[in-house]
């Protein structure tokens, strides 16, 4: 379905569809050690449970050096996900709202 009847809209819609098909193909084909992590046939609840288990260090019986490297890797990943707030009234308001929930765990926006 097109929002407008012109060649440009048709070509963009075609590109969008081709990209979606390519993404779906990668999701179904990409695997690691036989596990298709991005396949839509994988149960999202199982992925969530597995992620929680992997982030808990209690099940790891490794040396301290490994545990510290594991924690640093998790924190580095989390730091890439935090929002960057630009200075101004809206940022100040968001920080006030977050402070109402203190003490918070995790990494706060910057």
C-alpha atoms as a PDB file:
ATOM      1  CA  UNK A   1       0.000   0.000   0.000  1.00  0.00           C
ATOM      2  CA  UNK A   2       1.341   3.395  -0.951  1.00  0.00           C
ATOM      3  CA  UNK A   3       0.596   6.691   0.728  1.00  0.00           C
ATOM      4  CA  UNK A   4       0.980   8.526  -2.587  1.00  0.00           C
ATOM      5  CA  UNK A   5       0.725   7.369  -6.188  1.00  0.00           C
ATOM      6  CA  UNK A   6       4.104   8.391  -7.579  1.00  0.00           C
ATOM      7  CA  UNK A   7       7.312   6.665  -8.632  1.00  0.00           C
ATOM      8  CA  UNK A   8       9.368   7.988  -5.709  1.00  0.00           C
ATOM      9  CA  UNK A   9       6.948   6.627  -3.106  1.00  0.00           C
ATOM     10  CA  UNK A  10       6.853   3.300  -4.955  1.00  0.00           C
ATOM     11  CA  UNK A  11      10.652   3.031  -5.081  1.00  0.00           C
ATOM     12  CA  UNK A  12      11.050   3.863  -1.388  1.00  0.00           C
ATOM     13  CA  UNK A  13       8.363   1.320  -0.504  1.00  0.00           C
ATOM     14  CA  UNK A  14      10.159  -1.256  -2.643  1.00  0.00           C
ATOM     15  CA  UNK A  15      13.496  -0.522  -0.926  1.00  0.00           C
ATOM     16  CA  UNK A  16      11.830  -0.769   2.492  1.00  0.00           C
ATOM     17  CA  UNK A  17      10.367  -4.149   1.574  1.00  0.00           C
ATOM     18  CA  UNK A  18      13.664  -5.453   0.196  1.00  0.00           C
ATOM     19  CA  UNK A  19      15.478  -4.358   3.379  1.00  0.00           C
ATOM     20  CA  UNK A  20      12.847  -6.058   5.512  1.00  0.00           C
ATOM     21  CA  UNK A  21      13.221  -9.255   3.489  1.00  0.00           C
ATOM     22  CA  UNK A  22      17.011  -9.081   3.840  1.00  0.00           C
ATOM     23  CA  UNK A  23      16.746  -8.556   7.606  1.00  0.00           C
ATOM     24  CA  UNK A  24      14.343 -11.485   7.935  1.00  0.00           C
ATOM     25  CA  UNK A  25      16.720 -13.664   5.917  1.00  0.00           C
ATOM     26  CA  UNK A  26      19.663 -12.776   8.176  1.00  0.00           C
ATOM     27  CA  UNK A  27      17.513 -13.353  11.269  1.00  0.00           C
ATOM     28  CA  UNK A  28      16.700 -16.876  10.086  1.00  0.00           C
ATOM     29  CA  UNK A  29      20.150 -17.823   8.772  1.00  0.00           C
ATOM     30  CA  UNK A  30      22.612 -16.262  11.235  1.00  0.00           C
ATOM     31  CA  UNK A  31      23.620 -18.700  13.940  1.00  0.00           C
ATOM     32  CA  UNK A  32      26.319 -19.263  16.494  1.00  0.00           C
ATOM     33  CA  UNK A  33      27.152 -22.812  17.523  1.00  0.00           C
ATOM     34  CA  UNK A  34      23.973 -23.889  15.771  1.00  0.00           C
ATOM     35  CA  UNK A  35      21.727 -21.482  17.694  1.00  0.00           C
ATOM     36  CA  UNK A  36      19.708 -19.016  15.627  1.00  0.00           C
ATOM     37  CA  UNK A  37      19.539 -16.228  18.204  1.00  0.00           C
ATOM     38  CA  UNK A  38      17.619 -13.770  15.983  1.00  0.00           C
ATOM     39  CA  UNK A  39      15.131 -16.227  14.542  1.00  0.00           C
ATOM     40  CA  UNK A  40      11.535 -15.304  15.204  1.00  0.00           C
ATOM     41  CA  UNK A  41      10.881 -18.920  16.107  1.00  0.00           C
ATOM     42  CA  UNK A  42      12.944 -18.521  19.292  1.00  0.00           C
ATOM     43  CA  UNK A  43      10.816 -17.981  22.406  1.00  0.00           C
ATOM     44  CA  UNK A  44      11.476 -14.441  23.686  1.00  0.00           C
ATOM     45  CA  UNK A  45      10.758 -15.494  27.270  1.00  0.00           C
ATOM     46  CA  UNK A  46      13.517 -18.108  27.046  1.00  0.00           C
ATOM     47  CA  UNK A  47      15.948 -15.506  25.695  1.00  0.00           C
ATOM     48  CA  UNK A  48      15.055 -13.167  28.563  1.00  0.00           C
ATOM     49  CA  UNK A  49      15.543 -15.914  31.167  1.00  0.00           C
ATOM     50  CA  UNK A  50      18.855 -16.892  29.606  1.00  0.00           C
ATOM     51  CA  UNK A  51      20.029 -13.258  29.610  1.00  0.00           C
ATOM     52  CA  UNK A  52      19.192 -12.908  33.308  1.00  0.00           C
ATOM     53  CA  UNK A  53      21.017 -16.140  34.140  1.00  0.00           C
ATOM     54  CA  UNK A  54      24.103 -15.136  32.156  1.00  0.00           C
ATOM     55  CA  UNK A  55      24.293 -11.785  33.937  1.00  0.00           C
ATOM     56  CA  UNK A  56      24.180 -13.393  37.373  1.00  0.00           C
ATOM     57  CA  UNK A  57      27.665 -14.237  38.482  1.00  0.00           C
ATOM     58  CA  UNK A  58      26.696 -16.756  41.128  1.00  0.00           C
ATOM     59  CA  UNK A  59      26.556 -19.605  38.631  1.00  0.00           C
ATOM     60  CA  UNK A  60      30.090 -18.940  37.401  1.00  0.00           C
ATOM     61  CA  UNK A  61      32.756 -20.889  39.248  1.00  0.00           C
ATOM     62  CA  UNK A  62      35.657 -19.111  37.613  1.00  0.00           C
ATOM     63  CA  UNK A  63      38.544 -17.107  38.947  1.00  0.00           C
ATOM     64  CA  UNK A  64      38.196 -13.488  40.040  1.00  0.00           C
ATOM     65  CA  UNK A  65      40.013 -12.150  36.982  1.00  0.00           C
ATOM     66  CA  UNK A  66      37.391 -13.663  34.685  1.00  0.00           C
ATOM     67  CA  UNK A  67      34.514 -12.399  36.847  1.00  0.00           C
ATOM     68  CA  UNK A  68      35.941  -8.869  36.832  1.00  0.00           C
ATOM     69  CA  UNK A  69      36.397  -8.943  33.041  1.00  0.00           C
ATOM     70  CA  UNK A  70      32.844 -10.274  32.684  1.00  0.00           C
ATOM     71  CA  UNK A  71      31.472  -7.454  34.837  1.00  0.00           C
ATOM     72  CA  UNK A  72      33.448  -4.830  32.904  1.00  0.00           C
ATOM     73  CA  UNK A  73      32.131  -6.207  29.602  1.00  0.00           C
ATOM     74  CA  UNK A  74      28.542  -6.070  30.885  1.00  0.00           C
ATOM     75  CA  UNK A  75      29.008  -2.508  32.124  1.00  0.00           C
ATOM     76  CA  UNK A  76      30.609  -1.422  28.832  1.00  0.00           C
ATOM     77  CA  UNK A  77      27.636  -2.848  26.948  1.00  0.00           C
ATOM     78  CA  UNK A  78      25.180  -1.138  29.290  1.00  0.00           C
ATOM     79  CA  UNK A  79      26.988   2.199  28.916  1.00  0.00           C
ATOM     80  CA  UNK A  80      26.354   2.128  25.165  1.00  0.00           C
ATOM     81  CA  UNK A  81      22.619   1.942  25.876  1.00  0.00           C
ATOM     82  CA  UNK A  82      22.166   4.916  28.189  1.00  0.00           C
ATOM     83  CA  UNK A  83      20.536   8.014  26.784  1.00  0.00           C
ATOM     84  CA  UNK A  84      22.504  11.230  26.449  1.00  0.00           C
ATOM     85  CA  UNK A  85      20.534  14.189  27.754  1.00  0.00           C
ATOM     86  CA  UNK A  86      21.394  17.601  26.399  1.00  0.00           C
ATOM     87  CA  UNK A  87      21.653  20.366  29.006  1.00  0.00           C
ATOM     88  CA  UNK A  88      18.476  22.306  29.529  1.00  0.00           C
ATOM     89  CA  UNK A  89      15.145  22.388  31.319  1.00  0.00           C
ATOM     90  CA  UNK A  90      13.971  19.007  30.028  1.00  0.00           C
ATOM     91  CA  UNK A  91      17.163  17.254  31.145  1.00  0.00           C
ATOM     92  CA  UNK A  92      16.946  18.904  34.564  1.00  0.00           C
ATOM     93  CA  UNK A  93      13.335  17.737  34.878  1.00  0.00           C
ATOM     94  CA  UNK A  94      14.292  14.147  33.934  1.00  0.00           C
ATOM     95  CA  UNK A  95      17.095  14.113  36.527  1.00  0.00           C
ATOM     96  CA  UNK A  96      14.683  15.391  39.214  1.00  0.00           C
ATOM     97  CA  UNK A  97      12.207  12.656  38.276  1.00  0.00           C
ATOM     98  CA  UNK A  98      14.919   9.993  38.446  1.00  0.00           C
ATOM     99  CA  UNK A  99      16.114  11.258  41.821  1.00  0.00           C
ATOM    100  CA  UNK A 100      12.620  10.671  43.222  1.00  0.00           C
ATOM    101  CA  UNK A 101      13.314   6.931  42.828  1.00  0.00           C
ATOM    102  CA  UNK A 102      16.647   7.050  44.689  1.00  0.00           C
ATOM    103  CA  UNK A 103      18.572   4.970  45.355  1.00  0.00           C
ATOM    104  CA  UNK A 104      18.607   3.659  41.812  1.00  0.00           C
ATOM    105  CA  UNK A 105      20.756   0.831  40.550  1.00  0.00           C
ATOM    106  CA  UNK A 106      22.345   0.797  37.159  1.00  0.00           C
ATOM    107  CA  UNK A 107      23.736   3.524  34.975  1.00  0.00           C
ATOM    108  CA  UNK A 108      21.961   6.872  34.919  1.00  0.00           C
ATOM    109  CA  UNK A 109      21.627   9.031  31.803  1.00  0.00           C
ATOM    110  CA  UNK A 110      24.317  11.600  31.170  1.00  0.00           C
END
